[in-house]
Amino acid sequence: MFESSEIKRLIEQGMPCDFVAIEGDDGVHFTGIVVSKAFEGKPRVRQHQAVYATLGALMGNEIHALQLQTFTPAQWETGRGELGM
């Protein structure tokens, strides 16, 4: 079983982030929101790959699934209201 707080810590340690929120209550399936300037100019698949890279071998092993929503800071400013944040 893995803690969402540890996933959050690893992502924040591995890349510059403006905001990270990770949730999951079964210890292997998680959802998350990551906001980073590093996503600017990158397609969504590359954004997700950048986040997964911060988790290394944990992905597919201790972390069975991580469903992501990624945003640049500008996208986050306009889109977070739609998410109720």
C-alpha atoms as a PDB file:
ATOM      1  CA  MET A   1       0.000   0.000   0.000  1.00  0.00           C
ATOM      2  CA  PHE A   2       1.257   3.440  -0.918  1.00  0.00           C
ATOM      3  CA  GLU A   3       0.300   6.830   0.513  1.00  0.00           C
ATOM      4  CA  SER A   4      -0.920   9.702  -1.668  1.00  0.00           C
ATOM      5  CA  SER A   5       1.176  12.097   0.419  1.00  0.00           C
ATOM      6  CA  GLU A   6       4.328  10.229  -0.618  1.00  0.00           C
ATOM      7  CA  ILE A   7       3.397  10.465  -4.308  1.00  0.00           C
ATOM      8  CA  LYS A   8       2.841  14.214  -3.858  1.00  0.00           C
ATOM      9  CA  ARG A   9       6.231  14.565  -2.164  1.00  0.00           C
ATOM     10  CA  LEU A  10       8.044  12.662  -4.924  1.00  0.00           C
ATOM     11  CA  ILE A  11       6.433  14.714  -7.692  1.00  0.00           C
ATOM     12  CA  GLU A  12       7.256  18.002  -5.943  1.00  0.00           C
ATOM     13  CA  GLN A  13      10.820  16.816  -5.357  1.00  0.00           C
ATOM     14  CA  GLY A  14      11.256  15.683  -8.960  1.00  0.00           C
ATOM     15  CA  MET A  15       9.986  18.719 -10.855  1.00  0.00           C
ATOM     16  CA  PRO A  16       9.090  22.383 -10.315  1.00  0.00           C
ATOM     17  CA  CYS A  17       5.398  22.525  -9.378  1.00  0.00           C
ATOM     18  CA  ASP A  18       3.022  25.346  -8.583  1.00  0.00           C
ATOM     19  CA  PHE A  19       0.372  22.954  -7.232  1.00  0.00           C
ATOM     20  CA  VAL A  20       0.055  19.215  -6.653  1.00  0.00           C
ATOM     21  CA  ALA A  21      -2.954  17.323  -5.286  1.00  0.00           C
ATOM     22  CA  ILE A  22      -3.031  13.523  -5.138  1.00  0.00           C
ATOM     23  CA  GLU A  23      -5.907  11.387  -3.878  1.00  0.00           C
ATOM     24  CA  GLY A  24      -6.443   7.663  -3.520  1.00  0.00           C
ATOM     25  CA  ASP A  25      -7.916   5.530  -0.793  1.00  0.00           C
ATOM     26  CA  ASP A  26      -6.971   1.970  -1.759  1.00  0.00           C
ATOM     27  CA  GLY A  27      -3.184   2.440  -1.752  1.00  0.00           C
ATOM     28  CA  VAL A  28      -2.638   1.471  -5.413  1.00  0.00           C
ATOM     29  CA  HIS A  29      -5.027   3.591  -7.547  1.00  0.00           C
ATOM     30  CA  PHE A  30      -4.635   7.364  -7.468  1.00  0.00           C
ATOM     31  CA  THR A  31      -5.858  10.515  -9.175  1.00  0.00           C
ATOM     32  CA  GLY A  32      -4.004  13.785  -9.272  1.00  0.00           C
ATOM     33  CA  ILE A  33      -3.681  17.339 -10.466  1.00  0.00           C
ATOM     34  CA  VAL A  34      -0.235  18.763 -11.249  1.00  0.00           C
ATOM     35  CA  VAL A  35       0.428  22.375 -12.254  1.00  0.00           C
ATOM     36  CA  SER A  36       3.896  23.213 -13.574  1.00  0.00           C
ATOM     37  CA  LYS A  37       5.657  25.722 -15.813  1.00  0.00           C
ATOM     38  CA  ALA A  38       7.593  22.725 -17.147  1.00  0.00           C
ATOM     39  CA  PHE A  39       4.454  21.713 -19.085  1.00  0.00           C
ATOM     40  CA  GLU A  40       4.467  24.839 -21.264  1.00  0.00           C
ATOM     41  CA  GLY A  41       4.700  23.958 -24.947  1.00  0.00           C
ATOM     42  CA  LYS A  42       4.442  20.200 -24.332  1.00  0.00           C
ATOM     43  CA  PRO A  43       1.596  17.981 -25.472  1.00  0.00           C
ATOM     44  CA  ARG A  44      -0.463  16.345 -22.728  1.00  0.00           C
ATOM     45  CA  VAL A  45       1.220  12.947 -23.182  1.00  0.00           C
ATOM     46  CA  ARG A  46       4.657  14.513 -22.576  1.00  0.00           C
ATOM     47  CA  GLN A  47       3.317  16.324 -19.514  1.00  0.00           C
ATOM     48  CA  HIS A  48       2.097  13.037 -18.045  1.00  0.00           C
ATOM     49  CA  GLN A  49       5.375  11.309 -18.899  1.00  0.00           C
ATOM     50  CA  ALA A  50       7.257  14.047 -17.029  1.00  0.00           C
ATOM     51  CA  VAL A  51       5.169  13.386 -13.914  1.00  0.00           C
ATOM     52  CA  TYR A  52       5.519   9.597 -14.209  1.00  0.00           C
ATOM     53  CA  ALA A  53       9.300  10.017 -14.539  1.00  0.00           C
ATOM     54  CA  THR A  54       9.399  11.561 -11.049  1.00  0.00           C
ATOM     55  CA  LEU A  55       7.937   8.302  -9.694  1.00  0.00           C
ATOM     56  CA  GLY A  56      10.309   5.984 -11.552  1.00  0.00           C
ATOM     57  CA  ALA A  57       9.921   2.250 -10.884  1.00  0.00           C
ATOM     58  CA  LEU A  58       7.020   2.846  -8.488  1.00  0.00           C
ATOM     59  CA  MET A  59       4.745   3.288 -11.519  1.00  0.00           C
ATOM     60  CA  GLY A  60       3.234  -0.052 -12.464  1.00  0.00           C
ATOM     61  CA  ASN A  61       4.523  -1.644  -9.272  1.00  0.00           C
ATOM     62  CA  GLU A  62       3.597  -0.048  -5.936  1.00  0.00           C
ATOM     63  CA  ILE A  63       1.482   2.508  -7.813  1.00  0.00           C
ATOM     64  CA  HIS A  64      -0.816   0.525 -10.077  1.00  0.00           C
ATOM     65  CA  ALA A  65      -2.522   3.560 -11.646  1.00  0.00           C
ATOM     66  CA  LEU A  66      -2.250   7.338 -11.519  1.00  0.00           C
ATOM     67  CA  GLN A  67      -4.894   9.246 -13.466  1.00  0.00           C
ATOM     68  CA  LEU A  68      -3.583  12.758 -14.069  1.00  0.00           C
ATOM     69  CA  GLN A  69      -4.859  16.173 -14.998  1.00  0.00           C
ATOM     70  CA  THR A  70      -1.955  18.453 -15.891  1.00  0.00           C
ATOM     71  CA  PHE A  71      -1.997  22.210 -16.352  1.00  0.00           C
ATOM     72  CA  THR A  72       0.388  25.042 -17.060  1.00  0.00           C
ATOM     73  CA  PRO A  73      -0.019  27.909 -14.557  1.00  0.00           C
ATOM     74  CA  ALA A  74      -2.036  29.906 -17.117  1.00  0.00           C
ATOM     75  CA  GLN A  75      -4.330  26.950 -17.843  1.00  0.00           C
ATOM     76  CA  TRP A  76      -4.772  26.403 -14.112  1.00  0.00           C
ATOM     77  CA  GLU A  77      -5.830  30.008 -13.532  1.00  0.00           C
ATOM     78  CA  THR A  78      -8.613  29.694 -16.093  1.00  0.00           C
ATOM     79  CA  GLY A  79      -9.546  26.042 -15.489  1.00  0.00           C
ATOM     80  CA  ARG A  80      -9.469  25.493 -11.762  1.00  0.00           C
ATOM     81  CA  GLY A  81     -12.851  27.121 -11.251  1.00  0.00           C
ATOM     82  CA  GLU A  82     -14.382  24.400 -13.396  1.00  0.00           C
ATOM     83  CA  LEU A  83     -12.886  21.855 -10.997  1.00  0.00           C
ATOM     84  CA  GLY A  84     -14.238  23.692  -7.968  1.00  0.00           C
ATOM     85  CA  MET A  85     -10.804  24.694  -6.693  1.00  0.00           C
END
